[in-house]
């Protein structure tokens, strides 16, 4: 999705939220028209213009990417995964998966190490492995804007500069980043990133969405955002390779506990990295 979405295209945000909530289900024309407030023909046109793919293609890609995540981070069988993400059977899933990723599901499931190596995530020494705290988060409503970007670059910083200019209430506002796509498996390693706040801004109308509650593995990163990629590498190249915990398809969450706007020292910044668990 494009980093900037005009206000008159907020219908796209609402349509994306519907698809993400029901990615494994058949969406009716009535549902799409009700959430977007446009005719089916017009929301298809607006969605394709804004996101670069049709609603059907977007939903199919979500199904396949969520399936790949389940193959990486759970012990479920391919047949169970195919049904869980909305395919009628293993044969139709295998055909769609191979067309999208140019590898069969069976090959992808047994070649996890190659995928990690391709991303530069080589196993680290045991003493460097981070240990998470398992927590439970309540469901939270947030107001947000999105960017489609490489995770570790200045586009996210620019998004936050714009986002914070909207003047959120100073007290009781918590800030989150949602990483909606798995960077390991997205083509060109891009991902959709949402800048989120728990309070509505004073002078700007923003779309809202729900961060689902549930269990999370919580890792803590201390210091600037420029070094957060190092913490991710320790998670993905260490603990996540050996854990028996299984992960859900929900987005990875970053909670900015002490951030650049409420601390004078960048080294005191504190970010919780939350990986969703089944």
Foldseek 3Di string as FASTA:
>chain_A
DAQDDDPLLCLLVQLVQVCVVPLQDDDDQVNSCVSSVDHSVVNQVSNCVVPVDGSVVVSLVLLLQQLLQQLQFHDDDLQVSCVVSHHPGSVVSQVSNCVVQVDGPVVSSVPNVVLCVVVVQAADDQVLADAFDKDWDAKAKKFKGKHWFQPQDCSVVVRVVVVVVLAFPPPPKWWKKWFLGDLSRDVVSITMIITIIRTDGDHDDTDMHMQHIGIWGKDKDFAAPNCVVVVVSSHVNYDSVPDNFGAGSGTWMKIFPDDPVRDPDRRGTMIITITHTD
